[in-house]
Amino acid sequence: MEAANNAIHGIWDRRSDINLVGAHINTKTGAWTQRDSSIGGSIDSFFEYLMKSSILYNNNEYLQMFEEAYEALDKYTQKNDWYVEVDYEKGTPTWAHFNSLQAFWPGTLVLYGDIDS
């Protein structure tokens, strides 16, 4: 559990000033190697496991991280009914596409209690 907690904090502590995280990180240096933020591939599990871990372990810290990430993702990556990739520091779109790994998001929002989105 300690290694997983350290990994979660390692990613979250490197989020941008607008609370977005990149998709790939160099685990030795801590530098983002893909600076696009989205709910898609390479970062999807981070958000999913934040929500699920907050429930499983009754961990309010993980819930707060999820809430801050959700607010930023909703603000910067949601475009109408779609989610796009954005620069993790600026929030500006970098790639407008949908991939199958984004399909987890509605279920995660239901776990959070947001059934209207």
PDB file of N, CA and C in Angstrom:
ATOM      1  N   MET A   1       0.821  -1.190   0.000  1.00  0.00           N
ATOM      2  CA  MET A   1       0.000   0.000   0.000  1.00  0.00           C
ATOM      3  C   MET A   1       0.869   1.260   0.000  1.00  0.00           C
ATOM      4  N   GLU A   2       1.997   1.196   0.671  1.00  0.00           N
ATOM      5  CA  GLU A   2       2.873   2.365   0.736  1.00  0.00           C
ATOM      6  C   GLU A   2       3.399   2.745  -0.649  1.00  0.00           C
ATOM      7  N   ALA A   3       3.768   1.751  -1.449  1.00  0.00           N
ATOM      8  CA  ALA A   3       4.271   2.034  -2.802  1.00  0.00           C
ATOM      9  C   ALA A   3       3.184   2.674  -3.653  1.00  0.00           C
ATOM     10  N   ALA A   4       1.964   2.179  -3.551  1.00  0.00           N
ATOM     11  CA  ALA A   4       0.852   2.759  -4.321  1.00  0.00           C
ATOM     12  C   ALA A   4       0.576   4.191  -3.871  1.00  0.00           C
ATOM     13  N   ASN A   5       0.585   4.415  -2.584  1.00  0.00           N
ATOM     14  CA  ASN A   5       0.372   5.763  -2.050  1.00  0.00           C
ATOM     15  C   ASN A   5       1.470   6.717  -2.520  1.00  0.00           C
ATOM     16  N   ASN A   6       2.709   6.237  -2.507  1.00  0.00           N
ATOM     17  CA  ASN A   6       3.817   7.076  -2.989  1.00  0.00           C
ATOM     18  C   ASN A   6       3.662   7.407  -4.466  1.00  0.00           C
ATOM     19  N   ALA A   7       3.194   6.446  -5.257  1.00  0.00           N
ATOM     20  CA  ALA A   7       2.985   6.684  -6.691  1.00  0.00           C
ATOM     21  C   ALA A   7       1.879   7.716  -6.909  1.00  0.00           C
ATOM     22  N   ILE A   8       0.789   7.583  -6.167  1.00  0.00           N
ATOM     23  CA  ILE A   8      -0.309   8.548  -6.288  1.00  0.00           C
ATOM     24  C   ILE A   8       0.182   9.949  -5.956  1.00  0.00           C
ATOM     25  N   HIS A   9       0.909  10.074  -4.850  1.00  0.00           N
ATOM     26  CA  HIS A   9       1.423  11.388  -4.462  1.00  0.00           C
ATOM     27  C   HIS A   9       2.486  11.885  -5.438  1.00  0.00           C
ATOM     28  N   GLY A  10       3.267  10.975  -5.988  1.00  0.00           N
ATOM     29  CA  GLY A  10       4.278  11.364  -6.968  1.00  0.00           C
ATOM     30  C   GLY A  10       3.666  12.007  -8.190  1.00  0.00           C
ATOM     31  N   ILE A  11       2.535  11.490  -8.631  1.00  0.00           N
ATOM     32  CA  ILE A  11       1.830  12.090  -9.771  1.00  0.00           C
ATOM     33  C   ILE A  11       1.127  13.370  -9.345  1.00  0.00           C
ATOM     34  N   TRP A  12       0.371  13.297  -8.266  1.00  0.00           N
ATOM     35  CA  TRP A  12      -0.432  14.450  -7.852  1.00  0.00           C
ATOM     36  C   TRP A  12       0.434  15.652  -7.479  1.00  0.00           C
ATOM     37  N   ASP A  13       1.559  15.401  -6.857  1.00  0.00           N
ATOM     38  CA  ASP A  13       2.441  16.508  -6.468  1.00  0.00           C
ATOM     39  C   ASP A  13       3.059  17.212  -7.668  1.00  0.00           C
ATOM     40  N   ARG A  14       2.987  16.583  -8.841  1.00  0.00           N
ATOM     41  CA  ARG A  14       3.546  17.174 -10.058  1.00  0.00           C
ATOM     42  C   ARG A  14       2.453  17.738 -10.976  1.00  0.00           C
ATOM     43  N   ARG A  15       1.254  17.851 -10.459  1.00  0.00           N
ATOM     44  CA  ARG A  15       0.173  18.429 -11.261  1.00  0.00           C
ATOM     45  C   ARG A  15       0.486  19.903 -11.543  1.00  0.00           C
ATOM     46  N   SER A  16      -0.173  20.417 -12.547  1.00  0.00           N
ATOM     47  CA  SER A  16       0.051  21.814 -12.915  1.00  0.00           C
ATOM     48  C   SER A  16      -0.701  22.751 -11.964  1.00  0.00           C
ATOM     49  N   ASP A  17      -0.494  24.023 -12.158  1.00  0.00           N
ATOM     50  CA  ASP A  17      -1.187  25.023 -11.340  1.00  0.00           C
ATOM     51  C   ASP A  17      -2.694  25.001 -11.571  1.00  0.00           C
ATOM     52  N   ILE A  18      -3.137  24.404 -12.692  1.00  0.00           N
ATOM     53  CA  ILE A  18      -4.575  24.312 -12.969  1.00  0.00           C
ATOM     54  C   ILE A  18      -5.110  22.905 -12.660  1.00  0.00           C
ATOM     55  N   ASN A  19      -4.341  22.137 -11.889  1.00  0.00           N
ATOM     56  CA  ASN A  19      -4.724  20.810 -11.382  1.00  0.00           C
ATOM     57  C   ASN A  19      -4.876  19.733 -12.450  1.00  0.00           C
ATOM     58  N   LEU A  20      -4.115  19.827 -13.528  1.00  0.00           N
ATOM     59  CA  LEU A  20      -4.084  18.772 -14.535  1.00  0.00           C
ATOM     60  C   LEU A  20      -2.772  18.013 -14.428  1.00  0.00           C
ATOM     61  N   VAL A  21      -2.803  16.744 -14.786  1.00  0.00           N
ATOM     62  CA  VAL A  21      -1.593  15.928 -14.821  1.00  0.00           C
ATOM     63  C   VAL A  21      -1.357  15.467 -16.250  1.00  0.00           C
ATOM     64  N   GLY A  22      -0.098  15.200 -16.565  1.00  0.00           N
ATOM     65  CA  GLY A  22       0.244  14.692 -17.888  1.00  0.00           C
ATOM     66  C   GLY A  22      -0.100  13.220 -18.015  1.00  0.00           C
ATOM     67  N   ALA A  23       0.183  12.671 -19.186  1.00  0.00           N
ATOM     68  CA  ALA A  23      -0.161  11.282 -19.446  1.00  0.00           C
ATOM     69  C   ALA A  23       0.992  10.318 -19.175  1.00  0.00           C
ATOM     70  N   HIS A  24       2.228  10.768 -19.329  1.00  0.00           N
ATOM     71  CA  HIS A  24       3.402   9.914 -19.095  1.00  0.00           C
ATOM     72  C   HIS A  24       4.377  10.667 -18.209  1.00  0.00           C
ATOM     73  N   ILE A  25       4.998   9.930 -17.302  1.00  0.00           N
ATOM     74  CA  ILE A  25       5.985  10.536 -16.407  1.00  0.00           C
ATOM     75  C   ILE A  25       7.222   9.641 -16.357  1.00  0.00           C
ATOM     76  N   ASN A  26       8.383  10.249 -16.316  1.00  0.00           N
ATOM     77  CA  ASN A  26       9.630   9.516 -16.149  1.00  0.00           C
ATOM     78  C   ASN A  26       9.750   9.172 -14.667  1.00  0.00           C
ATOM     79  N   THR A  27       9.714   7.906 -14.334  1.00  0.00           N
ATOM     80  CA  THR A  27       9.706   7.500 -12.929  1.00  0.00           C
ATOM     81  C   THR A  27      11.035   7.724 -12.220  1.00  0.00           C
ATOM     82  N   LYS A  28      12.089   7.936 -12.977  1.00  0.00           N
ATOM     83  CA  LYS A  28      13.392   8.205 -12.350  1.00  0.00           C
ATOM     84  C   LYS A  28      13.583   9.690 -12.060  1.00  0.00           C
ATOM     85  N   THR A  29      13.133  10.551 -12.989  1.00  0.00           N
ATOM     86  CA  THR A  29      13.354  11.989 -12.827  1.00  0.00           C
ATOM     87  C   THR A  29      12.121  12.741 -12.342  1.00  0.00           C
ATOM     88  N   GLY A  30      10.947  12.164 -12.525  1.00  0.00           N
ATOM     89  CA  GLY A  30       9.714  12.853 -12.155  1.00  0.00           C
ATOM     90  C   GLY A  30       9.254  13.867 -13.188  1.00  0.00           C
ATOM     91  N   ALA A  31       9.913  13.908 -14.327  1.00  0.00           N
ATOM     92  CA  ALA A  31       9.541  14.856 -15.385  1.00  0.00           C
ATOM     93  C   ALA A  31       8.440  14.260 -16.246  1.00  0.00           C
ATOM     94  N   TRP A  32       7.502  15.098 -16.643  1.00  0.00           N
ATOM     95  CA  TRP A  32       6.456  14.643 -17.560  1.00  0.00           C
ATOM     96  C   TRP A  32       7.069  14.429 -18.931  1.00  0.00           C
ATOM     97  N   THR A  33       6.819  13.266 -19.518  1.00  0.00           N
ATOM     98  CA  THR A  33       7.327  12.976 -20.861  1.00  0.00           C
ATOM     99  C   THR A  33       6.226  13.093 -21.903  1.00  0.00           C
ATOM    100  N   GLN A  34       4.972  13.090 -21.476  1.00  0.00           N
ATOM    101  CA  GLN A  34       3.851  13.468 -22.334  1.00  0.00           C
ATOM    102  C   GLN A  34       3.008  14.435 -21.530  1.00  0.00           C
ATOM    103  N   ARG A  35       2.950  15.655 -21.996  1.00  0.00           N
ATOM    104  CA  ARG A  35       2.344  16.735 -21.238  1.00  0.00           C
ATOM    105  C   ARG A  35       0.862  16.941 -21.563  1.00  0.00           C
ATOM    106  N   ASP A  36       0.299  16.048 -22.354  1.00  0.00           N
ATOM    107  CA  ASP A  36      -1.129  16.139 -22.645  1.00  0.00           C
ATOM    108  C   ASP A  36      -1.917  15.568 -21.473  1.00  0.00           C
ATOM    109  N   SER A  37      -2.989  16.231 -21.135  1.00  0.00           N
ATOM    110  CA  SER A  37      -3.871  15.759 -20.074  1.00  0.00           C
ATOM    111  C   SER A  37      -5.207  15.385 -20.680  1.00  0.00           C
ATOM    112  N   SER A  38      -5.796  14.302 -20.179  1.00  0.00           N
ATOM    113  CA  SER A  38      -7.086  13.847 -20.678  1.00  0.00           C
ATOM    114  C   SER A  38      -7.640  12.810 -19.710  1.00  0.00           C
ATOM    115  N   ILE A  39      -8.766  12.219 -20.087  1.00  0.00           N
ATOM    116  CA  ILE A  39      -9.290  11.077 -19.339  1.00  0.00           C
ATOM    117  C   ILE A  39      -8.978   9.789 -20.084  1.00  0.00           C
ATOM    118  N   GLY A  40      -8.178   9.884 -21.140  1.00  0.00           N
ATOM    119  CA  GLY A  40      -7.900   8.744 -22.003  1.00  0.00           C
ATOM    120  C   GLY A  40      -6.678   7.941 -21.596  1.00  0.00           C
ATOM    121  N   GLY A  41      -6.193   7.182 -22.547  1.00  0.00           N
ATOM    122  CA  GLY A  41      -5.099   6.253 -22.339  1.00  0.00           C
ATOM    123  C   GLY A  41      -3.895   6.845 -21.637  1.00  0.00           C
ATOM    124  N   SER A  42      -3.277   6.042 -20.826  1.00  0.00           N
ATOM    125  CA  SER A  42      -2.059   6.321 -20.061  1.00  0.00           C
ATOM    126  C   SER A  42      -2.299   7.065 -18.762  1.00  0.00           C
ATOM    127  N   ILE A  43      -3.466   7.684 -18.594  1.00  0.00           N
ATOM    128  CA  ILE A  43      -3.743   8.368 -17.329  1.00  0.00           C
ATOM    129  C   ILE A  43      -5.124   8.012 -16.790  1.00  0.00           C
ATOM    130  N   ASP A  44      -5.923   7.316 -17.580  1.00  0.00           N
ATOM    131  CA  ASP A  44      -7.283   6.972 -17.188  1.00  0.00           C
ATOM    132  C   ASP A  44      -7.345   6.230 -15.855  1.00  0.00           C
ATOM    133  N   SER A  45      -6.464   5.287 -15.654  1.00  0.00           N
ATOM    134  CA  SER A  45      -6.490   4.484 -14.424  1.00  0.00           C
ATOM    135  C   SER A  45      -6.194   5.318 -13.189  1.00  0.00           C
ATOM    136  N   PHE A  46      -5.391   6.354 -13.326  1.00  0.00           N
ATOM    137  CA  PHE A  46      -5.092   7.213 -12.177  1.00  0.00           C
ATOM    138  C   PHE A  46      -6.380   7.784 -11.592  1.00  0.00           C
ATOM    139  N   PHE A  47      -7.229   8.316 -12.456  1.00  0.00           N
ATOM    140  CA  PHE A  47      -8.484   8.911 -11.972  1.00  0.00           C
ATOM    141  C   PHE A  47      -9.449   7.848 -11.454  1.00  0.00           C
ATOM    142  N   GLU A  48      -9.525   6.745 -12.180  1.00  0.00           N
ATOM    143  CA  GLU A  48     -10.414   5.654 -11.770  1.00  0.00           C
ATOM    144  C   GLU A  48     -10.012   5.115 -10.391  1.00  0.00           C
ATOM    145  N   TYR A  49      -8.726   4.891 -10.181  1.00  0.00           N
ATOM    146  CA  TYR A  49      -8.273   4.321  -8.915  1.00  0.00           C
ATOM    147  C   TYR A  49      -8.297   5.327  -7.781  1.00  0.00           C
ATOM    148  N   LEU A  50      -8.184   6.611  -8.076  1.00  0.00           N
ATOM    149  CA  LEU A  50      -8.375   7.605  -7.017  1.00  0.00           C
ATOM    150  C   LEU A  50      -9.784   7.478  -6.442  1.00  0.00           C
ATOM    151  N   MET A  51     -10.757   7.404  -7.341  1.00  0.00           N
ATOM    152  CA  MET A  51     -12.152   7.310  -6.897  1.00  0.00           C
ATOM    153  C   MET A  51     -12.403   6.000  -6.161  1.00  0.00           C
ATOM    154  N   LYS A  52     -11.987   4.890  -6.773  1.00  0.00           N
ATOM    155  CA  LYS A  52     -12.230   3.578  -6.158  1.00  0.00           C
ATOM    156  C   LYS A  52     -11.486   3.412  -4.840  1.00  0.00           C
ATOM    157  N   SER A  53     -10.264   3.927  -4.754  1.00  0.00           N
ATOM    158  CA  SER A  53      -9.498   3.824  -3.508  1.00  0.00           C
ATOM    159  C   SER A  53     -10.104   4.690  -2.411  1.00  0.00           C
ATOM    160  N   SER A  54     -10.670   5.820  -2.801  1.00  0.00           N
ATOM    161  CA  SER A  54     -11.316   6.661  -1.783  1.00  0.00           C
ATOM    162  C   SER A  54     -12.487   5.921  -1.152  1.00  0.00           C
ATOM    163  N   ILE A  55     -13.183   5.114  -1.953  1.00  0.00           N
ATOM    164  CA  ILE A  55     -14.315   4.328  -1.436  1.00  0.00           C
ATOM    165  C   ILE A  55     -13.813   3.122  -0.643  1.00  0.00           C
ATOM    166  N   LEU A  56     -12.931   2.345  -1.245  1.00  0.00           N
ATOM    167  CA  LEU A  56     -12.452   1.108  -0.636  1.00  0.00           C
ATOM    168  C   LEU A  56     -11.775   1.344   0.713  1.00  0.00           C
ATOM    169  N   TYR A  57     -10.950   2.376   0.781  1.00  0.00           N
ATOM    170  CA  TYR A  57     -10.185   2.638   2.006  1.00  0.00           C
ATOM    171  C   TYR A  57     -10.771   3.776   2.838  1.00  0.00           C
ATOM    172  N   ASN A  58     -11.941   4.282   2.409  1.00  0.00           N
ATOM    173  CA  ASN A  58     -12.556   5.424   3.090  1.00  0.00           C
ATOM    174  C   ASN A  58     -11.527   6.540   3.263  1.00  0.00           C
ATOM    175  N   ASN A  59     -10.860   6.856   2.163  1.00  0.00           N
ATOM    176  CA  ASN A  59      -9.740   7.788   2.179  1.00  0.00           C
ATOM    177  C   ASN A  59     -10.180   9.145   1.639  1.00  0.00           C
ATOM    178  N   ASN A  60     -10.382  10.085   2.528  1.00  0.00           N
ATOM    179  CA  ASN A  60     -10.832  11.424   2.131  1.00  0.00           C
ATOM    180  C   ASN A  60      -9.784  12.193   1.338  1.00  0.00           C
ATOM    181  N   GLU A  61      -8.516  11.898   1.569  1.00  0.00           N
ATOM    182  CA  GLU A  61      -7.457  12.571   0.815  1.00  0.00           C
ATOM    183  C   GLU A  61      -7.561  12.208  -0.671  1.00  0.00           C
ATOM    184  N   TYR A  62      -7.772  10.938  -0.984  1.00  0.00           N
ATOM    185  CA  TYR A  62      -7.928  10.513  -2.375  1.00  0.00           C
ATOM    186  C   TYR A  62      -9.197  11.112  -2.977  1.00  0.00           C
ATOM    187  N   LEU A  63     -10.262  11.193  -2.178  1.00  0.00           N
ATOM    188  CA  LEU A  63     -11.504  11.795  -2.660  1.00  0.00           C
ATOM    189  C   LEU A  63     -11.273  13.268  -3.006  1.00  0.00           C
ATOM    190  N   GLN A  64     -10.548  13.972  -2.166  1.00  0.00           N
ATOM    191  CA  GLN A  64     -10.260  15.385  -2.438  1.00  0.00           C
ATOM    192  C   GLN A  64      -9.421  15.537  -3.708  1.00  0.00           C
ATOM    193  N   MET A  65      -8.440  14.658  -3.886  1.00  0.00           N
ATOM    194  CA  MET A  65      -7.639  14.690  -5.115  1.00  0.00           C
ATOM    195  C   MET A  65      -8.537  14.473  -6.332  1.00  0.00           C
ATOM    196  N   PHE A  66      -9.435  13.477  -6.228  1.00  0.00           N
ATOM    197  CA  PHE A  66     -10.343  13.207  -7.337  1.00  0.00           C
ATOM    198  C   PHE A  66     -11.209  14.424  -7.626  1.00  0.00           C
ATOM    199  N   GLU A  67     -11.750  15.034  -6.597  1.00  0.00           N
ATOM    200  CA  GLU A  67     -12.625  16.192  -6.787  1.00  0.00           C
ATOM    201  C   GLU A  67     -11.892  17.347  -7.472  1.00  0.00           C
ATOM    202  N   GLU A  68     -10.664  17.600  -7.072  1.00  0.00           N
ATOM    203  CA  GLU A  68      -9.883  18.670  -7.700  1.00  0.00           C
ATOM    204  C   GLU A  68      -9.557  18.323  -9.147  1.00  0.00           C
ATOM    205  N   ALA A  69      -9.208  17.070  -9.393  1.00  0.00           N
ATOM    206  CA  ALA A  69      -8.917  16.636 -10.760  1.00  0.00           C
ATOM    207  C   ALA A  69     -10.177  16.704 -11.613  1.00  0.00           C
ATOM    208  N   TYR A  70     -11.301  16.245 -11.071  1.00  0.00           N
ATOM    209  CA  TYR A  70     -12.562  16.244 -11.807  1.00  0.00           C
ATOM    210  C   TYR A  70     -12.947  17.666 -12.221  1.00  0.00           C
ATOM    211  N   GLU A  71     -12.821  18.590 -11.300  1.00  0.00           N
ATOM    212  CA  GLU A  71     -13.154  19.983 -11.608  1.00  0.00           C
ATOM    213  C   GLU A  71     -12.286  20.517 -12.753  1.00  0.00           C
ATOM    214  N   ALA A  72     -10.992  20.214 -12.711  1.00  0.00           N
ATOM    215  CA  ALA A  72     -10.089  20.676 -13.766  1.00  0.00           C
ATOM    216  C   ALA A  72     -10.377  19.971 -15.093  1.00  0.00           C
ATOM    217  N   LEU A  73     -10.604  18.660 -15.032  1.00  0.00           N
ATOM    218  CA  LEU A  73     -10.908  17.915 -16.257  1.00  0.00           C
ATOM    219  C   LEU A  73     -12.194  18.421 -16.892  1.00  0.00           C
ATOM    220  N   ASP A  74     -13.190  18.669 -16.067  1.00  0.00           N
ATOM    221  CA  ASP A  74     -14.465  19.163 -16.573  1.00  0.00           C
ATOM    222  C   ASP A  74     -14.297  20.539 -17.213  1.00  0.00           C
ATOM    223  N   LYS A  75     -13.490  21.378 -16.593  1.00  0.00           N
ATOM    224  CA  LYS A  75     -13.290  22.742 -17.095  1.00  0.00           C
ATOM    225  C   LYS A  75     -12.480  22.775 -18.389  1.00  0.00           C
ATOM    226  N   TYR A  76     -11.418  21.973 -18.460  1.00  0.00           N
ATOM    227  CA  TYR A  76     -10.482  22.103 -19.575  1.00  0.00           C
ATOM    228  C   TYR A  76     -10.613  21.045 -20.666  1.00  0.00           C
ATOM    229  N   THR A  77     -11.015  19.837 -20.323  1.00  0.00           N
ATOM    230  CA  THR A  77     -11.006  18.783 -21.345  1.00  0.00           C
ATOM    231  C   THR A  77     -12.379  18.482 -21.933  1.00  0.00           C
ATOM    232  N   GLN A  78     -13.448  18.862 -21.240  1.00  0.00           N
ATOM    233  CA  GLN A  78     -14.781  18.566 -21.773  1.00  0.00           C
ATOM    234  C   GLN A  78     -15.195  19.631 -22.783  1.00  0.00           C
ATOM    235  N   LYS A  79     -15.527  19.175 -23.962  1.00  0.00           N
ATOM    236  CA  LYS A  79     -16.023  20.042 -25.034  1.00  0.00           C
ATOM    237  C   LYS A  79     -17.344  19.455 -25.495  1.00  0.00           C
ATOM    238  N   ASN A  80     -18.436  20.059 -25.046  1.00  0.00           N
ATOM    239  CA  ASN A  80     -19.785  19.534 -25.288  1.00  0.00           C
ATOM    240  C   ASN A  80     -19.875  18.133 -24.677  1.00  0.00           C
ATOM    241  N   ASP A  81     -20.200  17.120 -25.462  1.00  0.00           N
ATOM    242  CA  ASP A  81     -20.318  15.762 -24.927  1.00  0.00           C
ATOM    243  C   ASP A  81     -19.029  14.959 -25.049  1.00  0.00           C
ATOM    244  N   TRP A  82     -17.953  15.584 -25.458  1.00  0.00           N
ATOM    245  CA  TRP A  82     -16.684  14.901 -25.722  1.00  0.00           C
ATOM    246  C   TRP A  82     -15.598  15.416 -24.790  1.00  0.00           C
ATOM    247  N   TYR A  83     -14.560  14.618 -24.673  1.00  0.00           N
ATOM    248  CA  TYR A  83     -13.386  15.018 -23.907  1.00  0.00           C
ATOM    249  C   TYR A  83     -12.185  14.996 -24.835  1.00  0.00           C
ATOM    250  N   VAL A  84     -11.386  16.045 -24.796  1.00  0.00           N
ATOM    251  CA  VAL A  84     -10.226  16.166 -25.672  1.00  0.00           C
ATOM    252  C   VAL A  84      -8.957  16.168 -24.827  1.00  0.00           C
ATOM    253  N   GLU A  85      -7.834  16.036 -25.495  1.00  0.00           N
ATOM    254  CA  GLU A  85      -6.550  16.166 -24.806  1.00  0.00           C
ATOM    255  C   GLU A  85      -6.150  17.635 -24.812  1.00  0.00           C
ATOM    256  N   VAL A  86      -5.590  18.072 -23.694  1.00  0.00           N
ATOM    257  CA  VAL A  86      -5.173  19.467 -23.547  1.00  0.00           C
ATOM    258  C   VAL A  86      -3.760  19.534 -22.971  1.00  0.00           C
ATOM    259  N   ASP A  87      -3.111  20.656 -23.185  1.00  0.00           N
ATOM    260  CA  ASP A  87      -1.821  20.904 -22.547  1.00  0.00           C
ATOM    261  C   ASP A  87      -2.050  20.974 -21.042  1.00  0.00           C
ATOM    262  N   TYR A  88      -1.289  20.220 -20.280  1.00  0.00           N
ATOM    263  CA  TYR A  88      -1.567  20.103 -18.846  1.00  0.00           C
ATOM    264  C   TYR A  88      -1.279  21.385 -18.069  1.00  0.00           C
ATOM    265  N   GLU A  89      -0.494  22.288 -18.629  1.00  0.00           N
ATOM    266  CA  GLU A  89      -0.219  23.558 -17.946  1.00  0.00           C
ATOM    267  C   GLU A  89      -1.167  24.678 -18.366  1.00  0.00           C
ATOM    268  N   LYS A  90      -1.550  24.687 -19.634  1.00  0.00           N
ATOM    269  CA  LYS A  90      -2.359  25.789 -20.163  1.00  0.00           C
ATOM    270  C   LYS A  90      -3.838  25.442 -20.286  1.00  0.00           C
ATOM    271  N   GLY A  91      -4.154  24.161 -20.425  1.00  0.00           N
ATOM    272  CA  GLY A  91      -5.534  23.762 -20.622  1.00  0.00           C
ATOM    273  C   GLY A  91      -6.033  23.965 -22.044  1.00  0.00           C
ATOM    274  N   THR A  92      -5.126  24.267 -22.958  1.00  0.00           N
ATOM    275  CA  THR A  92      -5.517  24.482 -24.352  1.00  0.00           C
ATOM    276  C   THR A  92      -5.526  23.150 -25.099  1.00  0.00           C
ATOM    277  N   PRO A  93      -6.514  22.944 -25.977  1.00  0.00           N
ATOM    278  CA  PRO A  93      -6.620  21.671 -26.703  1.00  0.00           C
ATOM    279  C   PRO A  93      -5.374  21.362 -27.527  1.00  0.00           C
ATOM    280  N   THR A  94      -4.963  20.100 -27.491  1.00  0.00           N
ATOM    281  CA  THR A  94      -3.833  19.635 -28.293  1.00  0.00           C
ATOM    282  C   THR A  94      -4.250  18.565 -29.292  1.00  0.00           C
ATOM    283  N   TRP A  95      -5.328  17.823 -28.948  1.00  0.00           N
ATOM    284  CA  TRP A  95      -5.751  16.751 -29.842  1.00  0.00           C
ATOM    285  C   TRP A  95      -7.212  16.423 -29.553  1.00  0.00           C
ATOM    286  N   ALA A  96      -8.045  16.596 -30.548  1.00  0.00           N
ATOM    287  CA  ALA A  96      -9.472  16.336 -30.377  1.00  0.00           C
ATOM    288  C   ALA A  96      -9.805  14.962 -30.946  1.00  0.00           C
ATOM    289  N   HIS A  97      -9.804  13.977 -30.095  1.00  0.00           N
ATOM    290  CA  HIS A  97     -10.162  12.624 -30.508  1.00  0.00           C
ATOM    291  C   HIS A  97     -10.765  11.889 -29.323  1.00  0.00           C
ATOM    292  N   PHE A  98     -11.475  10.820 -29.598  1.00  0.00           N
ATOM    293  CA  PHE A  98     -12.081   9.987 -28.565  1.00  0.00           C
ATOM    294  C   PHE A  98     -11.469   8.608 -28.678  1.00  0.00           C
ATOM    295  N   ASN A  99     -11.092   8.019 -27.542  1.00  0.00           N
ATOM    296  CA  ASN A  99     -10.596   6.644 -27.591  1.00  0.00           C
ATOM    297  C   ASN A  99     -11.360   5.781 -26.592  1.00  0.00           C
ATOM    298  N   SER A 100     -11.302   4.500 -26.798  1.00  0.00           N
ATOM    299  CA  SER A 100     -12.103   3.566 -26.003  1.00  0.00           C
ATOM    300  C   SER A 100     -11.751   3.597 -24.520  1.00  0.00           C
ATOM    301  N   LEU A 101     -10.560   4.016 -24.174  1.00  0.00           N
ATOM    302  CA  LEU A 101     -10.173   4.036 -22.764  1.00  0.00           C
ATOM    303  C   LEU A 101     -10.902   5.127 -21.981  1.00  0.00           C
ATOM    304  N   GLN A 102     -11.549   6.031 -22.682  1.00  0.00           N
ATOM    305  CA  GLN A 102     -12.333   7.062 -22.008  1.00  0.00           C
ATOM    306  C   GLN A 102     -13.681   6.525 -21.525  1.00  0.00           C
ATOM    307  N   ALA A 103     -14.021   5.314 -21.911  1.00  0.00           N
ATOM    308  CA  ALA A 103     -15.333   4.749 -21.590  1.00  0.00           C
ATOM    309  C   ALA A 103     -15.535   4.508 -20.096  1.00  0.00           C
ATOM    310  N   PHE A 104     -14.472   4.485 -19.309  1.00  0.00           N
ATOM    311  CA  PHE A 104     -14.590   4.270 -17.868  1.00  0.00           C
ATOM    312  C   PHE A 104     -15.221   5.472 -17.159  1.00  0.00           C
ATOM    313  N   TRP A 105     -15.100   6.656 -17.763  1.00  0.00           N
ATOM    314  CA  TRP A 105     -15.427   7.904 -17.078  1.00  0.00           C
ATOM    315  C   TRP A 105     -16.869   7.966 -16.563  1.00  0.00           C
ATOM    316  N   PRO A 106     -17.874   7.651 -17.365  1.00  0.00           N
ATOM    317  CA  PRO A 106     -19.247   7.711 -16.831  1.00  0.00           C
ATOM    318  C   PRO A 106     -19.452   6.827 -15.596  1.00  0.00           C
ATOM    319  N   GLY A 107     -18.887   5.630 -15.591  1.00  0.00           N
ATOM    320  CA  GLY A 107     -19.007   4.755 -14.425  1.00  0.00           C
ATOM    321  C   GLY A 107     -18.326   5.326 -13.201  1.00  0.00           C
ATOM    322  N   THR A 108     -17.194   5.968 -13.408  1.00  0.00           N
ATOM    323  CA  THR A 108     -16.474   6.595 -12.301  1.00  0.00           C
ATOM    324  C   THR A 108     -17.278   7.757 -11.739  1.00  0.00           C
ATOM    325  N   LEU A 109     -17.916   8.521 -12.615  1.00  0.00           N
ATOM    326  CA  LEU A 109     -18.742   9.634 -12.148  1.00  0.00           C
ATOM    327  C   LEU A 109     -19.952   9.135 -11.360  1.00  0.00           C
ATOM    328  N   VAL A 110     -20.511   7.988 -11.753  1.00  0.00           N
ATOM    329  CA  VAL A 110     -21.616   7.400 -10.995  1.00  0.00           C
ATOM    330  C   VAL A 110     -21.135   6.991  -9.601  1.00  0.00           C
ATOM    331  N   LEU A 111     -19.950   6.390  -9.512  1.00  0.00           N
ATOM    332  CA  LEU A 111     -19.396   6.053  -8.194  1.00  0.00           C
ATOM    333  C   LEU A 111     -19.234   7.298  -7.324  1.00  0.00           C
ATOM    334  N   TYR A 112     -18.869   8.398  -7.955  1.00  0.00           N
ATOM    335  CA  TYR A 112     -18.703   9.664  -7.254  1.00  0.00           C
ATOM    336  C   TYR A 112     -20.050  10.234  -6.817  1.00  0.00           C
ATOM    337  N   GLY A 113     -21.114   9.830  -7.491  1.00  0.00           N
ATOM    338  CA  GLY A 113     -22.436  10.316  -7.170  1.00  0.00           C
ATOM    339  C   GLY A 113     -22.982  11.318  -8.158  1.00  0.00           C
ATOM    340  N   ASP A 114     -22.236  11.563  -9.227  1.00  0.00           N
ATOM    341  CA  ASP A 114     -22.668  12.493 -10.263  1.00  0.00           C
ATOM    342  C   ASP A 114     -23.360  11.710 -11.363  1.00  0.00           C
ATOM    343  N   ILE A 115     -24.665  11.575 -11.248  1.00  0.00           N
ATOM    344  CA  ILE A 115     -25.411  10.819 -12.262  1.00  0.00           C
ATOM    345  C   ILE A 115     -25.988  11.731 -13.341  1.00  0.00           C
ATOM    346  N   ASP A 116     -25.863  13.022 -13.169  1.00  0.00           N
ATOM    347  CA  ASP A 116     -26.401  13.966 -14.158  1.00  0.00           C
ATOM    348  C   ASP A 116     -25.443  14.210 -15.318  1.00  0.00           C
ATOM    349  N   SER A 117     -24.155  14.022 -15.085  1.00  0.00           N
ATOM    350  CA  SER A 117     -23.179  14.288 -16.145  1.00  0.00           C
ATOM    351  C   SER A 117     -23.227  13.207 -17.190  1.00  0.00           C
TER     352      SER A 117
END
